[in-house]
């Protein structure tokens, strides 16, 4: 497995409109007003609502002035492509995102096309034929250096944090279908 649990031992908390970053053992905390930071979304759609199908996952991210990434919120669900747009639009609106990046390959091109017909600013994320490990390399480097922040449990009620962490820690970058 590529991502390590201890890379995410530091968690952020929230105080009003501020994201509070403080690593274990540090005395100083950093507070960022979330509305004052750059925010964007990412989405990896799935093509089916079947119980055996993969999940559509979309995240709202904040970039700190130190170029760290903070996962503000995420959704994870199974739905047919036309029904995926509304929950993604809600995440986009709730966090006032600058854009929603959608991985547009195979059936996800349809999701990109439908999302582009909404008020969302949509960007095509194209893997350009690269395998998952190559595409994950930048995230691996950021995570290993402690520059990706997940929320403390309970900070984002309704966010499927445990499921997201489990999927993250199962990423191999190999040929199997891990995202």
N, C-alpha and C. Protein backbone atom coordinates (compact mmCIF):
# COMPACT_ATOMS: atom_id res chain seq x y z
N UNK A 1 0.84 -1.18 0.00
CA UNK A 1 0.00 0.00 0.00
C UNK A 1 0.87 1.24 0.00
N UNK A 2 0.40 2.27 -0.66
CA UNK A 2 1.24 3.45 -0.87
C UNK A 2 1.12 4.51 0.22
N UNK A 3 -0.10 4.85 0.62
CA UNK A 3 -0.28 5.86 1.67
C UNK A 3 -0.16 5.18 3.03
N UNK A 4 0.46 5.86 3.97
CA UNK A 4 0.67 5.32 5.32
C UNK A 4 -0.20 6.08 6.32
N UNK A 5 -0.78 5.34 7.26
CA UNK A 5 -1.67 5.92 8.26
C UNK A 5 -1.00 7.06 9.03
N UNK A 6 0.27 6.88 9.39
CA UNK A 6 0.94 7.91 10.21
C UNK A 6 1.16 9.22 9.45
N UNK A 7 1.05 9.21 8.13
CA UNK A 7 1.16 10.44 7.37
C UNK A 7 -0.02 11.38 7.66
N UNK A 8 -1.09 10.82 8.23
CA UNK A 8 -2.30 11.59 8.50
C UNK A 8 -2.59 11.67 10.00
N UNK A 9 -1.56 11.56 10.83
CA UNK A 9 -1.76 11.61 12.28
C UNK A 9 -2.11 13.02 12.75
N UNK A 10 -1.74 14.03 12.00
CA UNK A 10 -2.13 15.40 12.31
C UNK A 10 -3.50 15.66 11.68
N UNK A 11 -4.39 16.25 12.44
CA UNK A 11 -5.75 16.52 11.95
C UNK A 11 -6.11 17.96 12.25
N UNK A 12 -6.95 18.52 11.40
CA UNK A 12 -7.38 19.89 11.66
C UNK A 12 -8.67 19.89 12.46
N UNK A 13 -8.90 21.02 13.10
CA UNK A 13 -10.17 21.25 13.78
C UNK A 13 -10.72 22.58 13.29
N UNK A 14 -11.90 22.94 13.73
CA UNK A 14 -12.58 24.13 13.26
C UNK A 14 -12.95 25.00 14.46
N UNK A 15 -12.76 26.30 14.28
CA UNK A 15 -13.21 27.29 15.27
C UNK A 15 -13.92 28.38 14.49
N UNK A 16 -15.24 28.37 14.51
CA UNK A 16 -16.01 29.34 13.72
C UNK A 16 -15.73 29.17 12.24
N UNK A 17 -15.30 30.24 11.59
CA UNK A 17 -14.98 30.21 10.16
C UNK A 17 -13.51 29.88 9.90
N UNK A 18 -12.82 29.42 10.93
CA UNK A 18 -11.38 29.17 10.80
C UNK A 18 -11.05 27.69 10.85
N UNK A 19 -10.12 27.31 10.01
CA UNK A 19 -9.53 25.97 10.01
C UNK A 19 -8.28 26.09 10.88
N UNK A 20 -8.15 25.23 11.87
CA UNK A 20 -7.03 25.29 12.81
C UNK A 20 -6.09 24.10 12.53
N UNK A 21 -4.86 24.42 12.15
CA UNK A 21 -3.85 23.40 11.87
C UNK A 21 -2.82 23.41 12.99
N UNK A 22 -2.64 22.24 13.60
CA UNK A 22 -1.65 22.11 14.66
C UNK A 22 -1.22 20.65 14.71
N UNK A 23 0.05 20.42 14.55
CA UNK A 23 0.59 19.06 14.56
C UNK A 23 0.79 18.58 16.00
N UNK A 24 0.71 17.29 16.22
CA UNK A 24 1.00 16.77 17.56
C UNK A 24 2.40 17.20 18.01
N UNK A 25 2.51 17.67 19.23
CA UNK A 25 3.80 18.08 19.76
C UNK A 25 4.16 19.52 19.49
N UNK A 26 3.44 20.19 18.58
CA UNK A 26 3.71 21.61 18.30
C UNK A 26 2.92 22.47 19.27
N UNK A 27 3.48 23.60 19.64
CA UNK A 27 2.76 24.52 20.53
C UNK A 27 1.99 25.56 19.74
N UNK A 28 2.50 25.93 18.57
CA UNK A 28 1.87 26.97 17.77
C UNK A 28 0.85 26.37 16.81
N UNK A 29 -0.30 27.03 16.74
CA UNK A 29 -1.30 26.62 15.77
C UNK A 29 -1.41 27.69 14.69
N UNK A 30 -1.86 27.26 13.52
CA UNK A 30 -2.11 28.18 12.41
C UNK A 30 -3.60 28.19 12.14
N UNK A 31 -4.16 29.36 12.02
CA UNK A 31 -5.60 29.49 11.77
C UNK A 31 -5.80 30.19 10.42
N UNK A 32 -6.65 29.60 9.60
CA UNK A 32 -6.96 30.16 8.29
C UNK A 32 -8.47 30.30 8.16
N UNK A 33 -8.90 31.49 7.80
CA UNK A 33 -10.32 31.70 7.52
C UNK A 33 -10.60 31.01 6.19
N UNK A 34 -11.49 30.04 6.20
CA UNK A 34 -11.66 29.21 5.00
C UNK A 34 -12.12 30.02 3.80
N UNK A 35 -12.90 31.05 4.00
CA UNK A 35 -13.36 31.86 2.87
C UNK A 35 -12.25 32.70 2.24
N UNK A 36 -11.15 32.90 2.96
CA UNK A 36 -10.05 33.71 2.45
C UNK A 36 -9.01 32.88 1.70
N UNK A 37 -9.17 31.57 1.70
CA UNK A 37 -8.19 30.68 1.04
C UNK A 37 -8.76 30.15 -0.27
N UNK A 38 -7.87 29.76 -1.15
CA UNK A 38 -8.26 29.16 -2.43
C UNK A 38 -8.93 27.82 -2.15
N UNK A 39 -10.08 27.60 -2.80
CA UNK A 39 -10.82 26.34 -2.63
C UNK A 39 -11.21 25.79 -4.00
N UNK A 40 -11.15 24.49 -4.11
CA UNK A 40 -11.50 23.84 -5.37
C UNK A 40 -12.05 22.46 -5.05
N UNK A 41 -12.64 21.84 -6.05
CA UNK A 41 -13.20 20.50 -5.86
C UNK A 41 -12.59 19.51 -6.82
N UNK A 42 -12.65 18.26 -6.42
CA UNK A 42 -12.24 17.15 -7.29
C UNK A 42 -13.34 16.11 -7.27
N UNK A 43 -13.53 15.44 -8.39
CA UNK A 43 -14.58 14.43 -8.48
C UNK A 43 -14.11 13.28 -9.35
N UNK A 44 -14.30 12.07 -8.83
CA UNK A 44 -14.08 10.85 -9.61
C UNK A 44 -15.42 10.13 -9.63
N UNK A 45 -16.09 10.24 -10.74
CA UNK A 45 -17.42 9.64 -10.86
C UNK A 45 -17.36 8.15 -11.10
N UNK A 46 -18.48 7.50 -10.88
CA UNK A 46 -18.66 6.08 -11.19
C UNK A 46 -19.90 5.98 -12.08
N UNK A 47 -19.99 4.91 -12.82
CA UNK A 47 -21.01 4.84 -13.86
C UNK A 47 -22.32 4.17 -13.45
N UNK A 48 -22.44 3.72 -12.21
CA UNK A 48 -23.62 2.92 -11.89
C UNK A 48 -24.04 3.11 -10.44
N UNK A 49 -25.30 2.81 -10.18
CA UNK A 49 -25.84 2.86 -8.82
C UNK A 49 -25.90 1.45 -8.21
N UNK A 50 -25.45 0.44 -8.93
CA UNK A 50 -25.50 -0.93 -8.42
C UNK A 50 -24.68 -1.05 -7.14
N UNK A 51 -25.13 -1.90 -6.23
CA UNK A 51 -24.42 -2.11 -4.97
C UNK A 51 -22.99 -2.58 -5.20
N UNK A 52 -22.75 -3.29 -6.28
CA UNK A 52 -21.41 -3.82 -6.56
C UNK A 52 -20.52 -2.78 -7.26
N UNK A 53 -21.10 -1.65 -7.64
CA UNK A 53 -20.35 -0.65 -8.40
C UNK A 53 -19.42 0.16 -7.50
N UNK A 54 -18.48 0.83 -8.13
CA UNK A 54 -17.61 1.77 -7.42
C UNK A 54 -18.43 2.96 -6.95
N UNK A 55 -17.87 3.74 -6.07
CA UNK A 55 -18.52 4.93 -5.55
C UNK A 55 -18.05 6.16 -6.32
N UNK A 56 -18.96 7.10 -6.47
CA UNK A 56 -18.59 8.44 -6.91
C UNK A 56 -18.09 9.16 -5.67
N UNK A 57 -16.94 9.80 -5.78
CA UNK A 57 -16.36 10.53 -4.65
C UNK A 57 -16.01 11.93 -5.13
N UNK A 58 -16.46 12.92 -4.36
CA UNK A 58 -16.12 14.31 -4.66
C UNK A 58 -15.64 14.96 -3.37
N UNK A 59 -14.62 15.80 -3.49
CA UNK A 59 -14.07 16.47 -2.32
C UNK A 59 -13.96 17.96 -2.53
N UNK A 60 -14.09 18.70 -1.43
CA UNK A 60 -13.86 20.14 -1.41
C UNK A 60 -12.53 20.36 -0.69
N UNK A 61 -11.62 21.03 -1.35
CA UNK A 61 -10.25 21.22 -0.85
C UNK A 61 -9.95 22.70 -0.63
N UNK A 62 -9.13 22.96 0.36
CA UNK A 62 -8.61 24.30 0.63
C UNK A 62 -7.10 24.23 0.50
N UNK A 63 -6.52 25.24 -0.13
CA UNK A 63 -5.07 25.34 -0.24
C UNK A 63 -4.61 26.46 0.69
N UNK A 64 -3.72 26.13 1.62
CA UNK A 64 -3.21 27.14 2.56
C UNK A 64 -2.13 27.98 1.88
N UNK A 65 -1.76 29.11 2.48
CA UNK A 65 -0.65 29.90 1.93
C UNK A 65 0.67 29.12 1.89
N UNK A 66 0.79 28.05 2.69
CA UNK A 66 1.99 27.21 2.67
C UNK A 66 1.86 26.06 1.68
N UNK A 67 0.83 26.12 0.86
CA UNK A 67 0.58 25.10 -0.18
C UNK A 67 0.29 23.73 0.40
N UNK A 68 -0.37 23.71 1.53
CA UNK A 68 -0.88 22.46 2.09
C UNK A 68 -2.31 22.29 1.57
N UNK A 69 -2.77 21.05 1.54
CA UNK A 69 -4.14 20.78 1.12
C UNK A 69 -4.95 20.30 2.31
N UNK A 70 -6.12 20.91 2.49
CA UNK A 70 -7.01 20.59 3.59
C UNK A 70 -8.31 20.06 2.98
N UNK A 71 -8.67 18.83 3.34
CA UNK A 71 -9.93 18.26 2.86
C UNK A 71 -11.06 18.85 3.70
N UNK A 72 -11.78 19.82 3.14
CA UNK A 72 -12.85 20.49 3.86
C UNK A 72 -14.06 19.59 4.06
N UNK A 73 -14.39 18.85 3.02
CA UNK A 73 -15.59 18.02 3.06
C UNK A 73 -15.52 17.05 1.89
N UNK A 74 -16.30 16.01 1.96
CA UNK A 74 -16.34 15.04 0.87
C UNK A 74 -17.68 14.32 0.88
N UNK A 75 -18.04 13.85 -0.29
CA UNK A 75 -19.23 13.01 -0.43
C UNK A 75 -18.81 11.74 -1.14
N UNK A 76 -19.52 10.69 -0.85
CA UNK A 76 -19.22 9.37 -1.43
C UNK A 76 -20.56 8.66 -1.57
N UNK A 77 -20.92 8.30 -2.80
CA UNK A 77 -22.25 7.73 -3.01
C UNK A 77 -22.28 6.93 -4.31
N UNK A 78 -23.34 6.14 -4.46
CA UNK A 78 -23.56 5.38 -5.68
C UNK A 78 -24.82 5.92 -6.34
N UNK A 79 -24.71 6.29 -7.61
CA UNK A 79 -25.85 6.81 -8.36
C UNK A 79 -25.52 6.73 -9.84
N UNK A 80 -26.57 6.74 -10.64
CA UNK A 80 -26.40 6.82 -12.08
C UNK A 80 -25.84 8.21 -12.41
N UNK A 81 -25.18 8.34 -13.54
CA UNK A 81 -24.52 9.60 -13.89
C UNK A 81 -25.44 10.82 -13.82
N UNK A 82 -26.66 10.78 -14.37
CA UNK A 82 -27.49 12.00 -14.28
C UNK A 82 -27.80 12.43 -12.83
N UNK A 83 -27.86 11.48 -11.91
CA UNK A 83 -28.17 11.80 -10.51
C UNK A 83 -26.94 12.23 -9.72
N UNK A 84 -25.78 12.18 -10.32
CA UNK A 84 -24.55 12.57 -9.61
C UNK A 84 -24.35 14.08 -9.59
N UNK A 85 -24.93 14.78 -10.53
CA UNK A 85 -24.66 16.21 -10.68
C UNK A 85 -25.17 17.01 -9.47
N UNK A 86 -26.38 16.74 -9.00
CA UNK A 86 -26.97 17.54 -7.91
C UNK A 86 -26.14 17.49 -6.63
N UNK A 87 -25.70 16.31 -6.14
CA UNK A 87 -24.88 16.31 -4.93
C UNK A 87 -23.52 17.00 -5.13
N UNK A 88 -22.96 16.87 -6.33
CA UNK A 88 -21.68 17.53 -6.61
C UNK A 88 -21.89 19.05 -6.63
N UNK A 89 -23.00 19.50 -7.23
CA UNK A 89 -23.35 20.92 -7.26
C UNK A 89 -23.52 21.45 -5.83
N UNK A 90 -24.15 20.69 -4.96
CA UNK A 90 -24.35 21.12 -3.57
C UNK A 90 -23.01 21.29 -2.86
N UNK A 91 -22.10 20.35 -3.03
CA UNK A 91 -20.76 20.47 -2.43
C UNK A 91 -20.07 21.73 -2.96
N UNK A 92 -20.15 21.95 -4.24
CA UNK A 92 -19.57 23.12 -4.90
C UNK A 92 -20.14 24.41 -4.30
N UNK A 93 -21.45 24.46 -4.17
CA UNK A 93 -22.11 25.66 -3.63
C UNK A 93 -21.83 25.86 -2.15
N UNK A 94 -21.91 24.78 -1.37
CA UNK A 94 -21.71 24.88 0.08
C UNK A 94 -20.35 25.48 0.43
N UNK A 95 -19.32 25.11 -0.33
CA UNK A 95 -17.96 25.55 -0.02
C UNK A 95 -17.49 26.68 -0.93
N UNK A 96 -18.38 27.18 -1.77
CA UNK A 96 -18.04 28.31 -2.65
C UNK A 96 -16.72 28.06 -3.38
N UNK A 97 -16.70 26.92 -4.08
CA UNK A 97 -15.47 26.48 -4.76
C UNK A 97 -15.21 27.30 -6.02
N UNK A 98 -13.95 27.46 -6.35
CA UNK A 98 -13.56 28.18 -7.57
C UNK A 98 -13.87 27.34 -8.80
N UNK A 99 -13.69 26.03 -8.68
CA UNK A 99 -13.99 25.11 -9.78
C UNK A 99 -14.14 23.70 -9.24
N UNK A 100 -14.73 22.83 -10.06
CA UNK A 100 -14.82 21.40 -9.76
C UNK A 100 -14.07 20.67 -10.86
N UNK A 101 -13.00 19.99 -10.50
CA UNK A 101 -12.25 19.18 -11.45
C UNK A 101 -12.87 17.79 -11.52
N UNK A 102 -13.20 17.34 -12.70
CA UNK A 102 -13.83 16.03 -12.88
C UNK A 102 -12.95 15.18 -13.77
N UNK A 103 -12.60 13.99 -13.27
CA UNK A 103 -11.82 13.06 -14.09
C UNK A 103 -12.72 12.57 -15.21
N UNK A 104 -12.40 12.96 -16.42
CA UNK A 104 -13.28 12.72 -17.57
C UNK A 104 -12.70 11.68 -18.50
N UNK A 105 -12.86 10.43 -18.13
CA UNK A 105 -12.51 9.32 -19.00
C UNK A 105 -13.70 8.37 -19.04
N UNK A 106 -13.83 7.67 -20.14
CA UNK A 106 -14.91 6.69 -20.32
C UNK A 106 -16.27 7.33 -20.01
N UNK A 107 -17.05 6.68 -19.14
CA UNK A 107 -18.40 7.17 -18.86
C UNK A 107 -18.40 8.50 -18.12
N UNK A 108 -17.29 8.86 -17.48
CA UNK A 108 -17.24 10.12 -16.75
C UNK A 108 -17.25 11.34 -17.66
N UNK A 109 -17.05 11.15 -18.95
CA UNK A 109 -17.18 12.26 -19.89
C UNK A 109 -18.62 12.79 -19.82
N UNK A 110 -19.58 11.88 -19.69
CA UNK A 110 -20.98 12.28 -19.55
C UNK A 110 -21.21 13.11 -18.31
N UNK A 111 -20.58 12.74 -17.20
CA UNK A 111 -20.70 13.51 -15.96
C UNK A 111 -20.12 14.92 -16.17
N UNK A 112 -18.97 15.00 -16.80
CA UNK A 112 -18.36 16.29 -17.09
C UNK A 112 -19.30 17.14 -17.95
N UNK A 113 -19.87 16.55 -18.98
CA UNK A 113 -20.75 17.30 -19.88
C UNK A 113 -21.99 17.81 -19.15
N UNK A 114 -22.58 16.97 -18.30
CA UNK A 114 -23.76 17.40 -17.54
C UNK A 114 -23.41 18.48 -16.53
N UNK A 115 -22.30 18.32 -15.84
CA UNK A 115 -21.88 19.30 -14.85
C UNK A 115 -21.58 20.65 -15.51
N UNK A 116 -21.04 20.62 -16.72
CA UNK A 116 -20.69 21.85 -17.43
C UNK A 116 -21.94 22.65 -17.82
N UNK A 117 -23.10 22.02 -17.79
CA UNK A 117 -24.35 22.71 -18.12
C UNK A 117 -24.96 23.40 -16.90
N UNK A 118 -24.32 23.27 -15.76
CA UNK A 118 -24.80 23.92 -14.54
C UNK A 118 -24.05 25.22 -14.33
N UNK A 119 -24.26 25.85 -13.19
CA UNK A 119 -23.53 27.09 -12.87
C UNK A 119 -22.13 26.81 -12.35
N UNK A 120 -21.76 25.54 -12.19
CA UNK A 120 -20.41 25.21 -11.74
C UNK A 120 -19.38 25.56 -12.81
N UNK A 121 -18.23 26.01 -12.35
CA UNK A 121 -17.07 26.11 -13.22
C UNK A 121 -16.43 24.73 -13.18
N UNK A 122 -16.33 24.08 -14.32
CA UNK A 122 -15.87 22.70 -14.38
C UNK A 122 -14.56 22.62 -15.16
N UNK A 123 -13.63 21.86 -14.63
CA UNK A 123 -12.36 21.61 -15.33
C UNK A 123 -12.22 20.12 -15.57
N UNK A 124 -11.80 19.81 -16.76
CA UNK A 124 -11.57 18.41 -17.14
C UNK A 124 -10.24 17.96 -16.55
N UNK A 125 -10.27 16.87 -15.81
CA UNK A 125 -9.06 16.22 -15.32
C UNK A 125 -8.81 15.03 -16.22
N UNK A 126 -7.74 15.08 -16.96
CA UNK A 126 -7.44 14.05 -17.95
C UNK A 126 -6.19 13.29 -17.52
N UNK A 127 -6.32 11.99 -17.25
CA UNK A 127 -5.15 11.22 -16.82
C UNK A 127 -4.13 10.99 -17.93
N UNK A 128 -4.45 11.37 -19.14
CA UNK A 128 -3.53 11.28 -20.29
C UNK A 128 -2.88 9.91 -20.42
N UNK A 129 -3.62 8.88 -20.12
CA UNK A 129 -3.11 7.52 -20.28
C UNK A 129 -2.14 7.09 -19.19
N UNK A 130 -1.91 7.94 -18.19
CA UNK A 130 -0.99 7.58 -17.12
C UNK A 130 -1.66 6.62 -16.15
N UNK A 131 -0.87 5.70 -15.59
CA UNK A 131 -1.45 4.77 -14.63
C UNK A 131 -1.69 5.49 -13.30
N UNK A 132 -2.42 4.81 -12.42
CA UNK A 132 -2.84 5.43 -11.16
C UNK A 132 -1.67 5.80 -10.27
N UNK A 133 -0.62 5.02 -10.28
CA UNK A 133 0.52 5.33 -9.43
C UNK A 133 1.20 6.63 -9.86
N UNK A 134 1.37 6.82 -11.15
CA UNK A 134 1.98 8.06 -11.64
C UNK A 134 1.09 9.24 -11.29
N UNK A 135 -0.24 9.07 -11.46
CA UNK A 135 -1.17 10.16 -11.15
C UNK A 135 -1.21 10.45 -9.65
N UNK A 136 -0.91 9.47 -8.81
CA UNK A 136 -0.96 9.64 -7.36
C UNK A 136 0.35 10.15 -6.77
N UNK A 137 1.40 10.21 -7.56
CA UNK A 137 2.73 10.54 -7.03
C UNK A 137 2.75 11.88 -6.30
N UNK A 138 2.16 12.91 -6.87
CA UNK A 138 2.18 14.22 -6.21
C UNK A 138 1.45 14.16 -4.87
N UNK A 139 0.33 13.47 -4.81
CA UNK A 139 -0.40 13.33 -3.55
C UNK A 139 0.41 12.53 -2.54
N UNK A 140 1.12 11.51 -3.01
CA UNK A 140 1.98 10.72 -2.11
C UNK A 140 3.07 11.60 -1.50
N UNK A 141 3.69 12.43 -2.31
CA UNK A 141 4.75 13.32 -1.81
C UNK A 141 4.18 14.30 -0.79
N UNK A 142 3.04 14.90 -1.09
CA UNK A 142 2.41 15.83 -0.16
C UNK A 142 2.02 15.14 1.15
N UNK A 143 1.44 13.95 1.04
CA UNK A 143 1.01 13.23 2.24
C UNK A 143 2.19 12.83 3.10
N UNK A 144 3.23 12.30 2.48
CA UNK A 144 4.40 11.86 3.25
C UNK A 144 5.06 13.04 3.98
N UNK A 145 5.01 14.21 3.38
CA UNK A 145 5.61 15.38 4.01
C UNK A 145 4.65 16.08 4.98
N UNK A 146 3.48 15.47 5.21
CA UNK A 146 2.53 16.02 6.18
C UNK A 146 1.78 17.24 5.69
N UNK A 147 1.63 17.37 4.38
CA UNK A 147 1.00 18.56 3.82
C UNK A 147 -0.42 18.33 3.34
N UNK A 148 -0.98 17.17 3.67
CA UNK A 148 -2.41 16.93 3.42
C UNK A 148 -3.06 16.76 4.78
N UNK A 149 -4.10 17.53 5.02
CA UNK A 149 -4.80 17.55 6.29
C UNK A 149 -6.20 16.98 6.13
N UNK A 150 -6.54 16.04 6.99
CA UNK A 150 -7.90 15.52 7.09
C UNK A 150 -8.50 16.07 8.38
N UNK A 151 -9.83 16.09 8.47
CA UNK A 151 -10.45 16.62 9.69
C UNK A 151 -10.34 15.63 10.86
N UNK A 152 -10.39 16.18 12.07
CA UNK A 152 -10.53 15.31 13.24
C UNK A 152 -11.88 14.62 13.12
N UNK A 153 -12.01 13.39 13.58
CA UNK A 153 -13.32 12.74 13.56
C UNK A 153 -14.37 13.61 14.26
N UNK A 154 -15.53 13.72 13.63
CA UNK A 154 -16.62 14.51 14.19
C UNK A 154 -16.65 15.96 13.76
N UNK A 155 -15.58 16.45 13.15
CA UNK A 155 -15.53 17.85 12.71
C UNK A 155 -16.51 18.10 11.57
N UNK A 156 -16.66 17.14 10.70
CA UNK A 156 -17.56 17.26 9.55
C UNK A 156 -18.65 16.18 9.63
N UNK A 157 -19.70 16.40 10.43
CA UNK A 157 -20.77 15.41 10.54
C UNK A 157 -21.33 15.07 9.15
N UNK A 158 -21.52 13.81 8.91
CA UNK A 158 -22.04 13.36 7.62
C UNK A 158 -20.97 13.07 6.59
N UNK A 159 -19.76 13.55 6.81
CA UNK A 159 -18.67 13.25 5.88
C UNK A 159 -18.24 11.80 6.10
N UNK A 160 -18.12 11.01 5.05
CA UNK A 160 -17.74 9.60 5.20
C UNK A 160 -16.23 9.44 5.43
N UNK A 161 -15.74 10.05 6.50
CA UNK A 161 -14.30 10.10 6.76
C UNK A 161 -13.68 8.71 6.88
N UNK A 162 -14.32 7.81 7.63
CA UNK A 162 -13.75 6.47 7.81
C UNK A 162 -13.64 5.74 6.48
N UNK A 163 -14.65 5.82 5.64
CA UNK A 163 -14.62 5.15 4.33
C UNK A 163 -13.55 5.77 3.44
N UNK A 164 -13.41 7.08 3.48
CA UNK A 164 -12.40 7.75 2.66
C UNK A 164 -11.00 7.36 3.12
N UNK A 165 -10.79 7.32 4.43
CA UNK A 165 -9.48 6.91 4.96
C UNK A 165 -9.17 5.47 4.57
N UNK A 166 -10.15 4.59 4.69
CA UNK A 166 -9.94 3.19 4.33
C UNK A 166 -9.54 3.06 2.87
N UNK A 167 -10.27 3.74 1.98
CA UNK A 167 -9.93 3.67 0.55
C UNK A 167 -8.55 4.26 0.29
N UNK A 168 -8.23 5.34 0.94
CA UNK A 168 -6.94 5.98 0.77
C UNK A 168 -5.81 5.03 1.16
N UNK A 169 -5.97 4.36 2.28
CA UNK A 169 -4.92 3.46 2.77
C UNK A 169 -4.83 2.16 2.00
N UNK A 170 -5.82 1.88 1.14
CA UNK A 170 -5.79 0.67 0.31
C UNK A 170 -5.21 0.92 -1.09
N UNK A 171 -4.86 2.16 -1.40
CA UNK A 171 -4.33 2.48 -2.73
C UNK A 171 -2.99 1.77 -2.92
N UNK A 172 -2.91 1.01 -3.99
CA UNK A 172 -1.65 0.33 -4.32
C UNK A 172 -0.97 0.95 -5.53
N UNK A 173 -1.79 1.56 -6.39
CA UNK A 173 -1.24 2.11 -7.63
C UNK A 173 -1.02 1.03 -8.66
N UNK A 174 -1.45 -0.17 -8.35
CA UNK A 174 -1.29 -1.28 -9.27
C UNK A 174 -2.44 -1.38 -10.25
N UNK A 175 -2.56 -2.51 -10.89
CA UNK A 175 -3.56 -2.71 -11.92
C UNK A 175 -4.95 -2.90 -11.35
N UNK A 176 -5.08 -3.22 -10.06
CA UNK A 176 -6.42 -3.43 -9.52
C UNK A 176 -7.16 -2.10 -9.44
N UNK A 177 -8.46 -2.18 -9.36
CA UNK A 177 -9.29 -0.98 -9.46
C UNK A 177 -9.37 -0.22 -8.15
N UNK A 178 -8.26 0.34 -7.70
CA UNK A 178 -8.32 1.22 -6.54
C UNK A 178 -8.19 2.66 -7.01
N UNK A 179 -8.96 3.54 -6.39
CA UNK A 179 -8.94 4.95 -6.77
C UNK A 179 -8.45 5.78 -5.63
